[in-house]
Each structure stands twice: as structure tokens, then as C-alpha cells.
Protein backbone atom coordinates (compact mmCIF):
# COMPACT_ATOMS: atom_id res chain seq x y z
CA MET A 1 0.00 0.00 0.00
CA SER A 2 2.88 2.38 0.76
CA GLU A 3 4.32 2.02 -2.74
CA LYS A 4 0.96 2.90 -4.30
CA SER A 5 0.60 5.92 -2.04
CA ASP A 6 4.16 7.06 -2.83
CA PHE A 7 3.42 6.73 -6.54
CA LEU A 8 0.10 8.59 -6.44
CA TYR A 9 1.17 11.25 -3.94
CA PRO A 10 4.91 11.88 -4.36
CA ARG A 11 6.53 14.26 -1.91
CA GLY A 12 9.54 16.42 -2.62
CA ARG A 13 12.11 17.29 -0.01
CA TYR A 14 11.98 20.63 1.77
CA TYR A 15 15.11 22.72 1.27
CA GLY A 16 14.13 26.07 2.79
CA ASP A 17 14.79 27.57 6.20
CA PHE A 18 13.32 25.01 8.55
CA THR A 19 10.49 25.76 10.92
CA PRO A 20 7.66 23.33 11.68
CA GLN A 21 5.19 25.82 10.19
CA LYS A 22 7.12 26.13 6.92
CA LEU A 23 7.43 22.36 6.64
CA ALA A 24 3.68 21.94 7.20
CA PHE A 25 2.87 24.63 4.63
CA ASN A 26 5.23 23.00 2.13
CA ALA A 27 3.34 19.72 2.55
CA ASN A 28 0.03 21.59 2.05
CA LEU A 29 1.42 23.30 -1.05
CA GLN A 30 2.54 19.99 -2.55
CA GLU A 31 -0.88 18.48 -1.85
CA PHE A 32 -2.54 21.50 -3.50
CA ALA A 33 -0.38 21.11 -6.61
CA GLN A 34 -1.11 17.39 -6.84
CA LYS A 35 -4.87 17.90 -6.53
CA VAL A 36 -4.87 20.72 -9.10
CA SER A 37 -3.05 18.40 -11.49
CA TYR A 38 -5.69 15.69 -11.02
CA ILE A 39 -8.52 18.18 -11.51
CA CYS A 40 -6.93 19.53 -14.69
CA ASN A 41 -6.52 16.00 -16.02
CA LEU A 42 -10.15 15.16 -15.25
CA GLU A 43 -11.30 18.30 -17.05
CA THR A 44 -9.02 17.66 -20.02
CA GLY A 45 -10.31 14.09 -20.22
CA GLY A 46 -13.92 15.27 -20.24
CA LYS A 47 -14.82 13.72 -16.88
CA ILE A 48 -15.75 17.06 -15.30
CA SER A 49 -16.74 20.41 -16.78
CA SER A 50 -14.45 23.41 -16.82
CA ILE A 51 -16.82 25.16 -14.39
CA GLU A 52 -16.58 22.22 -11.95
CA ALA A 53 -12.79 22.24 -12.29
CA TYR A 54 -12.65 25.98 -11.66
CA GLU A 55 -14.87 25.76 -8.57
CA GLU A 56 -12.87 22.85 -7.14
CA ILE A 57 -9.54 24.62 -7.70
CA LYS A 58 -10.99 27.82 -6.21
CA LYS A 59 -11.97 25.86 -3.08
CA LEU A 60 -8.50 24.30 -2.84
CA TRP A 61 -6.93 27.76 -3.21
CA LYS A 62 -9.05 29.14 -0.36
CA ASP A 63 -8.01 26.19 1.81
CA LEU A 64 -4.34 26.84 1.00
CA LYS A 65 -4.71 30.55 1.83
CA THR A 66 -6.34 29.62 5.15
CA SER A 67 -3.48 27.25 5.89
CA LYS A 68 -0.93 29.99 5.11
CA LYS A 69 -2.70 32.41 7.42
CA GLU A 70 -3.07 29.91 10.27
CA LEU A 71 0.60 28.89 10.02
CA GLN A 72 1.60 32.58 9.83
CA ILE A 73 3.72 32.05 6.72
CA GLY A 74 5.14 35.27 5.25
CA GLU A 75 4.26 37.39 8.24
CA GLU A 76 6.83 39.47 10.06
CA PRO A 77 7.75 38.00 13.44
CA PRO A 78 6.73 40.18 16.36
CA SER A 79 9.47 42.70 17.06
CA GLU A 80 10.99 43.21 20.45
CA PRO A 81 9.82 46.39 22.14
CA SER A 82 12.63 48.95 22.07
CA ASP A 83 13.91 50.29 25.36
CA PRO A 84 13.68 54.12 25.27
CA ALA A 85 16.37 54.56 27.96
């Protein structure tokens, strides 16, 4: 079963600056890309309409944006308060 899963859902290594949040977002991003690829193939093959494909990809995009916001990816870390003295 593992070989089938590895074939259908390949994962690339993460090479960026490591934080648990960035690693989790990278996994979410790879899953998004894989699902978009499947949806595009279904639409190209005539199994779903272009409208259905668009709506499904739009939903996936919203989920990815939510994930980015919840993991605080791309946000400035809170700065230390400066000491006026």
C-alpha cells in the first residue's frame, strides 16, 4: 500500500529555512499542486466540466490561503519592544 501511495502522492524534499510551520505549509502546497493536477486532467479528459474544475480549484486555493494564514507564513515575526532609555 505504501508504494501505491508514494506513486500517487509523491513528496519532494523541503530545502528552505526550517520551521515546523514552513514544513507543514510546504506539505500543504505539494498536496494542492497534486490535486490541481488531477482536476486539470479530469477536465481535459472530459470527466468534469471546466466550471466544476474551476470551482474545485478555487476551493482548494481558499483552503491553502487559510493554511498559510493559520501557520503565519510570510508574516513578520513580532518585534521586540525597544527600550527608550
